[in-house]
């Protein structure tokens, strides 16, 4: 199944950065086309199901939220 995503592309120094606007995924390349191609690959990897080599160890952590 294919799904469209919006991407923003801008230049940072010698590199082009491509960022998906719907997800927290970005990539870069030496050209705009390369940055978009790399972003496409990064998104495909993002949606690839995880393949654990061993069972994960689940830990409980506590984080202070709110004003102290």
PDB file of N, CA and C in Angstrom:
ATOM      1  N   UNK A   1       0.846  -1.172   0.000  1.00  0.00           N
ATOM      2  CA  UNK A   1       0.000   0.000   0.000  1.00  0.00           C
ATOM      3  C   UNK A   1       0.894   1.239   0.000  1.00  0.00           C
ATOM      4  N   UNK A   2       0.586   2.164  -0.838  1.00  0.00           N
ATOM      5  CA  UNK A   2       1.323   3.426  -0.886  1.00  0.00           C
ATOM      6  C   UNK A   2       0.488   4.522  -0.259  1.00  0.00           C
ATOM      7  N   UNK A   3       1.153   5.451   0.399  1.00  0.00           N
ATOM      8  CA  UNK A   3       0.487   6.587   1.029  1.00  0.00           C
ATOM      9  C   UNK A   3       1.320   7.836   0.768  1.00  0.00           C
ATOM     10  N   UNK A   4       0.687   8.932   0.389  1.00  0.00           N
ATOM     11  CA  UNK A   4       1.451  10.158   0.134  1.00  0.00           C
ATOM     12  C   UNK A   4       1.779  10.895   1.437  1.00  0.00           C
ATOM     13  N   UNK A   5       2.924  11.538   1.452  1.00  0.00           N
ATOM     14  CA  UNK A   5       3.342  12.384   2.563  1.00  0.00           C
ATOM     15  C   UNK A   5       3.867  13.703   2.003  1.00  0.00           C
ATOM     16  N   UNK A   6       3.695  14.769   2.758  1.00  0.00           N
ATOM     17  CA  UNK A   6       4.225  16.063   2.362  1.00  0.00           C
ATOM     18  C   UNK A   6       5.641  16.207   2.911  1.00  0.00           C
ATOM     19  N   UNK A   7       6.503  16.813   2.126  1.00  0.00           N
ATOM     20  CA  UNK A   7       7.888  17.012   2.541  1.00  0.00           C
ATOM     21  C   UNK A   7       8.287  18.456   2.320  1.00  0.00           C
ATOM     22  N   UNK A   8       9.063  18.956   3.242  1.00  0.00           N
ATOM     23  CA  UNK A   8       9.650  20.280   3.117  1.00  0.00           C
ATOM     24  C   UNK A   8      11.131  20.097   2.828  1.00  0.00           C
ATOM     25  N   UNK A   9      11.666  20.848   1.873  1.00  0.00           N
ATOM     26  CA  UNK A   9      13.076  20.724   1.504  1.00  0.00           C
ATOM     27  C   UNK A   9      13.711  22.103   1.582  1.00  0.00           C
ATOM     28  N   UNK A  10      14.875  22.178   2.227  1.00  0.00           N
ATOM     29  CA  UNK A  10      15.607  23.438   2.295  1.00  0.00           C
ATOM     30  C   UNK A  10      17.103  23.140   2.281  1.00  0.00           C
ATOM     31  N   UNK A  11      17.866  24.182   2.023  1.00  0.00           N
ATOM     32  CA  UNK A  11      19.319  24.045   1.946  1.00  0.00           C
ATOM     33  C   UNK A  11      19.943  24.490   3.263  1.00  0.00           C
ATOM     34  N   UNK A  12      20.872  23.673   3.761  1.00  0.00           N
ATOM     35  CA  UNK A  12      21.667  24.016   4.935  1.00  0.00           C
ATOM     36  C   UNK A  12      23.126  23.849   4.556  1.00  0.00           C
ATOM     37  N   UNK A  13      23.794  24.935   4.290  1.00  0.00           N
ATOM     38  CA  UNK A  13      25.192  24.862   3.864  1.00  0.00           C
ATOM     39  C   UNK A  13      25.313  24.149   2.541  1.00  0.00           C
ATOM     40  N   UNK A  14      26.091  23.076   2.517  1.00  0.00           N
ATOM     41  CA  UNK A  14      26.305  22.305   1.291  1.00  0.00           C
ATOM     42  C   UNK A  14      25.260  21.212   1.089  1.00  0.00           C
ATOM     43  N   UNK A  15      24.341  21.043   2.033  1.00  0.00           N
ATOM     44  CA  UNK A  15      23.385  19.944   2.002  1.00  0.00           C
ATOM     45  C   UNK A  15      21.957  20.428   1.826  1.00  0.00           C
ATOM     46  N   UNK A  16      21.141  19.552   1.249  1.00  0.00           N
ATOM     47  CA  UNK A  16      19.695  19.762   1.214  1.00  0.00           C
ATOM     48  C   UNK A  16      19.086  18.857   2.282  1.00  0.00           C
ATOM     49  N   UNK A  17      18.140  19.400   3.029  1.00  0.00           N
ATOM     50  CA  UNK A  17      17.457  18.645   4.073  1.00  0.00           C
ATOM     51  C   UNK A  17      16.012  18.453   3.639  1.00  0.00           C
ATOM     52  N   UNK A  18      15.521  17.241   3.739  1.00  0.00           N
ATOM     53  CA  UNK A  18      14.119  16.921   3.424  1.00  0.00           C
ATOM     54  C   UNK A  18      13.479  16.390   4.698  1.00  0.00           C
ATOM     55  N   UNK A  19      12.347  16.996   5.073  1.00  0.00           N
ATOM     56  CA  UNK A  19      11.660  16.603   6.300  1.00  0.00           C
ATOM     57  C   UNK A  19      10.207  16.290   5.993  1.00  0.00           C
ATOM     58  N   UNK A  20       9.744  15.149   6.499  1.00  0.00           N
ATOM     59  CA  UNK A  20       8.341  14.778   6.367  1.00  0.00           C
ATOM     60  C   UNK A  20       7.539  15.649   7.321  1.00  0.00           C
ATOM     61  N   UNK A  21       6.479  16.275   6.840  1.00  0.00           N
ATOM     62  CA  UNK A  21       5.690  17.184   7.666  1.00  0.00           C
ATOM     63  C   UNK A  21       4.716  16.461   8.589  1.00  0.00           C
ATOM     64  N   UNK A  22       4.344  15.230   8.264  1.00  0.00           N
ATOM     65  CA  UNK A  22       3.399  14.484   9.085  1.00  0.00           C
ATOM     66  C   UNK A  22       4.078  13.654  10.180  1.00  0.00           C
ATOM     67  N   UNK A  23       5.336  13.271   9.963  1.00  0.00           N
ATOM     68  CA  UNK A  23       6.058  12.411  10.902  1.00  0.00           C
ATOM     69  C   UNK A  23       7.392  13.056  11.250  1.00  0.00           C
ATOM     70  N   UNK A  24       7.975  12.628  12.336  1.00  0.00           N
ATOM     71  CA  UNK A  24       9.265  13.154  12.760  1.00  0.00           C
ATOM     72  C   UNK A  24      10.386  12.368  12.082  1.00  0.00           C
ATOM     73  N   UNK A  25      10.456  12.509  10.745  1.00  0.00           N
ATOM     74  CA  UNK A  25      11.459  11.804   9.951  1.00  0.00           C
ATOM     75  C   UNK A  25      12.075  12.810   8.989  1.00  0.00           C
ATOM     76  N   UNK A  26      13.397  12.800   8.904  1.00  0.00           N
ATOM     77  CA  UNK A  26      14.097  13.714   7.998  1.00  0.00           C
ATOM     78  C   UNK A  26      15.316  13.003   7.432  1.00  0.00           C
ATOM     79  N   UNK A  27      15.848  13.549   6.335  1.00  0.00           N
ATOM     80  CA  UNK A  27      17.063  13.027   5.735  1.00  0.00           C
ATOM     81  C   UNK A  27      17.751  14.162   4.997  1.00  0.00           C
ATOM     82  N   UNK A  28      18.883  13.868   4.398  1.00  0.00           N
ATOM     83  CA  UNK A  28      19.619  14.902   3.671  1.00  0.00           C
ATOM     84  C   UNK A  28      20.296  14.308   2.449  1.00  0.00           C
ATOM     85  N   UNK A  29      20.766  15.192   1.577  1.00  0.00           N
ATOM     86  CA  UNK A  29      21.483  14.771   0.390  1.00  0.00           C
ATOM     87  C   UNK A  29      22.220  15.945  -0.219  1.00  0.00           C
ATOM     88  N   UNK A  30      23.083  15.649  -1.166  1.00  0.00           N
ATOM     89  CA  UNK A  30      23.854  16.702  -1.820  1.00  0.00           C
ATOM     90  C   UNK A  30      23.018  17.490  -2.817  1.00  0.00           C
ATOM     91  N   UNK A  31      21.892  16.911  -3.263  1.00  0.00           N
ATOM     92  CA  UNK A  31      20.958  17.601  -4.145  1.00  0.00           C
ATOM     93  C   UNK A  31      19.556  17.475  -3.552  1.00  0.00           C
ATOM     94  N   UNK A  32      18.634  18.288  -4.051  1.00  0.00           N
ATOM     95  CA  UNK A  32      17.256  18.203  -3.587  1.00  0.00           C
ATOM     96  C   UNK A  32      16.667  16.826  -3.900  1.00  0.00           C
ATOM     97  N   UNK A  33      16.944  16.321  -5.098  1.00  0.00           N
ATOM     98  CA  UNK A  33      16.431  15.007  -5.490  1.00  0.00           C
ATOM     99  C   UNK A  33      17.001  13.903  -4.613  1.00  0.00           C
ATOM    100  N   UNK A  34      18.280  13.989  -4.273  1.00  0.00           N
ATOM    101  CA  UNK A  34      18.897  12.985  -3.412  1.00  0.00           C
ATOM    102  C   UNK A  34      18.316  13.054  -1.996  1.00  0.00           C
ATOM    103  N   UNK A  35      18.078  14.254  -1.503  1.00  0.00           N
ATOM    104  CA  UNK A  35      17.483  14.399  -0.173  1.00  0.00           C
ATOM    105  C   UNK A  35      16.089  13.786  -0.141  1.00  0.00           C
ATOM    106  N   UNK A  36      15.297  14.000  -1.185  1.00  0.00           N
ATOM    107  CA  UNK A  36      13.954  13.419  -1.244  1.00  0.00           C
ATOM    108  C   UNK A  36      14.009  11.899  -1.386  1.00  0.00           C
ATOM    109  N   UNK A  37      14.947  11.395  -2.171  1.00  0.00           N
ATOM    110  CA  UNK A  37      15.104   9.946  -2.311  1.00  0.00           C
ATOM    111  C   UNK A  37      15.515   9.322  -0.974  1.00  0.00           C
ATOM    112  N   UNK A  38      16.409   9.999  -0.257  1.00  0.00           N
ATOM    113  CA  UNK A  38      16.838   9.497   1.046  1.00  0.00           C
ATOM    114  C   UNK A  38      15.694   9.565   2.064  1.00  0.00           C
ATOM    115  N   UNK A  39      14.867  10.588   1.967  1.00  0.00           N
ATOM    116  CA  UNK A  39      13.701  10.685   2.845  1.00  0.00           C
ATOM    117  C   UNK A  39      12.718   9.556   2.546  1.00  0.00           C
ATOM    118  N   UNK A  40      12.514   9.248   1.277  1.00  0.00           N
ATOM    119  CA  UNK A  40      11.638   8.140   0.900  1.00  0.00           C
ATOM    120  C   UNK A  40      12.141   6.837   1.523  1.00  0.00           C
ATOM    121  N   UNK A  41      13.439   6.586   1.437  1.00  0.00           N
ATOM    122  CA  UNK A  41      14.010   5.376   2.027  1.00  0.00           C
ATOM    123  C   UNK A  41      13.845   5.389   3.556  1.00  0.00           C
ATOM    124  N   UNK A  42      14.066   6.535   4.179  1.00  0.00           N
ATOM    125  CA  UNK A  42      13.919   6.634   5.631  1.00  0.00           C
ATOM    126  C   UNK A  42      12.482   6.360   6.058  1.00  0.00           C
ATOM    127  N   UNK A  43      11.515   6.843   5.284  1.00  0.00           N
ATOM    128  CA  UNK A  43      10.107   6.594   5.606  1.00  0.00           C
ATOM    129  C   UNK A  43       9.756   5.124   5.424  1.00  0.00           C
ATOM    130  N   UNK A  44      10.291   4.492   4.391  1.00  0.00           N
ATOM    131  CA  UNK A  44      10.049   3.063   4.197  1.00  0.00           C
ATOM    132  C   UNK A  44      10.599   2.267   5.381  1.00  0.00           C
ATOM    133  N   UNK A  45      11.769   2.636   5.873  1.00  0.00           N
ATOM    134  CA  UNK A  45      12.347   1.964   7.033  1.00  0.00           C
ATOM    135  C   UNK A  45      11.536   2.249   8.292  1.00  0.00           C
ATOM    136  N   UNK A  46      11.000   3.456   8.395  1.00  0.00           N
ATOM    137  CA  UNK A  46      10.177   3.841   9.544  1.00  0.00           C
ATOM    138  C   UNK A  46       8.954   2.923   9.671  1.00  0.00           C
ATOM    139  N   UNK A  47       8.363   2.580   8.534  1.00  0.00           N
ATOM    140  CA  UNK A  47       7.154   1.756   8.536  1.00  0.00           C
ATOM    141  C   UNK A  47       7.442   0.258   8.475  1.00  0.00           C
ATOM    142  N   UNK A  48       8.694  -0.125   8.361  1.00  0.00           N
ATOM    143  CA  UNK A  48       9.039  -1.540   8.350  1.00  0.00           C
ATOM    144  C   UNK A  48       8.834  -2.105   9.753  1.00  0.00           C
ATOM    145  N   UNK A  49       8.166  -3.261   9.869  1.00  0.00           N
ATOM    146  CA  UNK A  49       7.933  -3.805  11.212  1.00  0.00           C
ATOM    147  C   UNK A  49       9.250  -4.170  11.886  1.00  0.00           C
ATOM    148  N   UNK A  50       9.342  -3.937  13.193  1.00  0.00           N
ATOM    149  CA  UNK A  50      10.587  -4.272  13.901  1.00  0.00           C
ATOM    150  C   UNK A  50      10.810  -5.776  13.927  1.00  0.00           C
ATOM    151  N   UNK A  51      12.057  -6.157  13.859  1.00  0.00           N
ATOM    152  CA  UNK A  51      12.426  -7.574  13.913  1.00  0.00           C
ATOM    153  C   UNK A  51      13.435  -7.747  15.041  1.00  0.00           C
ATOM    154  N   UNK A  52      12.916  -8.044  16.208  1.00  0.00           N
ATOM    155  CA  UNK A  52      13.772  -8.196  17.382  1.00  0.00           C
ATOM    156  C   UNK A  52      14.600  -9.464  17.283  1.00  0.00           C
ATOM    157  N   UNK A  53      15.846  -9.363  17.656  1.00  0.00           N
ATOM    158  CA  UNK A  53      16.708 -10.536  17.693  1.00  0.00           C
ATOM    159  C   UNK A  53      16.625 -11.224  19.049  1.00  0.00           C
ATOM    160  N   UNK A  54      16.118 -10.507  20.045  1.00  0.00           N
ATOM    161  CA  UNK A  54      15.874 -11.063  21.372  1.00  0.00           C
ATOM    162  C   UNK A  54      14.736 -10.274  22.009  1.00  0.00           C
ATOM    163  N   UNK A  55      14.069 -10.831  22.988  1.00  0.00           N
ATOM    164  CA  UNK A  55      12.951 -10.111  23.610  1.00  0.00           C
ATOM    165  C   UNK A  55      13.428  -8.806  24.256  1.00  0.00           C
ATOM    166  N   UNK A  56      12.658  -7.743  24.102  1.00  0.00           N
ATOM    167  CA  UNK A  56      13.066  -6.468  24.702  1.00  0.00           C
ATOM    168  C   UNK A  56      12.921  -6.508  26.220  1.00  0.00           C
ATOM    169  N   UNK A  57      13.749  -5.738  26.895  1.00  0.00           N
ATOM    170  CA  UNK A  57      13.629  -5.582  28.341  1.00  0.00           C
ATOM    171  C   UNK A  57      12.847  -4.303  28.595  1.00  0.00           C
ATOM    172  N   UNK A  58      11.677  -4.448  29.180  1.00  0.00           N
ATOM    173  CA  UNK A  58      10.814  -3.301  29.442  1.00  0.00           C
ATOM    174  C   UNK A  58      11.148  -2.750  30.818  1.00  0.00           C
ATOM    175  N   UNK A  59      11.358  -1.456  30.905  1.00  0.00           N
ATOM    176  CA  UNK A  59      11.700  -0.797  32.163  1.00  0.00           C
ATOM    177  C   UNK A  59      10.660   0.270  32.469  1.00  0.00           C
ATOM    178  N   UNK A  60      10.452   0.538  33.735  1.00  0.00           N
ATOM    179  CA  UNK A  60       9.566   1.602  34.179  1.00  0.00           C
ATOM    180  C   UNK A  60      10.437   2.772  34.613  1.00  0.00           C
ATOM    181  N   UNK A  61      10.150   3.950  34.072  1.00  0.00           N
ATOM    182  CA  UNK A  61      10.880   5.151  34.474  1.00  0.00           C
ATOM    183  C   UNK A  61       9.880   6.186  34.942  1.00  0.00           C
ATOM    184  N   UNK A  62      10.310   7.070  35.828  1.00  0.00           N
ATOM    185  CA  UNK A  62       9.460   8.148  36.309  1.00  0.00           C
ATOM    186  C   UNK A  62      10.053   9.470  35.860  1.00  0.00           C
ATOM    187  N   UNK A  63       9.186  10.369  35.405  1.00  0.00           N
ATOM    188  CA  UNK A  63       9.605  11.659  34.893  1.00  0.00           C
ATOM    189  C   UNK A  63       8.763  12.736  35.579  1.00  0.00           C
ATOM    190  N   UNK A  64       9.401  13.780  36.070  1.00  0.00           N
ATOM    191  CA  UNK A  64       8.694  14.909  36.678  1.00  0.00           C
ATOM    192  C   UNK A  64       8.042  15.726  35.571  1.00  0.00           C
ATOM    193  N   UNK A  65       6.730  15.892  35.661  1.00  0.00           N
ATOM    194  CA  UNK A  65       6.014  16.696  34.685  1.00  0.00           C
ATOM    195  C   UNK A  65       5.263  17.799  35.428  1.00  0.00           C
ATOM    196  N   UNK A  66       5.358  18.998  34.939  1.00  0.00           N
ATOM    197  CA  UNK A  66       4.692  20.116  35.602  1.00  0.00           C
ATOM    198  C   UNK A  66       5.690  20.958  36.364  1.00  0.00           C
ATOM    199  N   UNK A  67       5.182  22.084  36.899  1.00  0.00           N
ATOM    200  CA  UNK A  67       6.039  23.030  37.622  1.00  0.00           C
ATOM    201  C   UNK A  67       6.463  22.459  38.965  1.00  0.00           C
ATOM    202  N   UNK A  68       7.678  22.755  39.332  1.00  0.00           N
ATOM    203  CA  UNK A  68       8.230  22.261  40.611  1.00  0.00           C
ATOM    204  C   UNK A  68       7.807  23.151  41.755  1.00  0.00           C
TER     205      UNK A  68
END
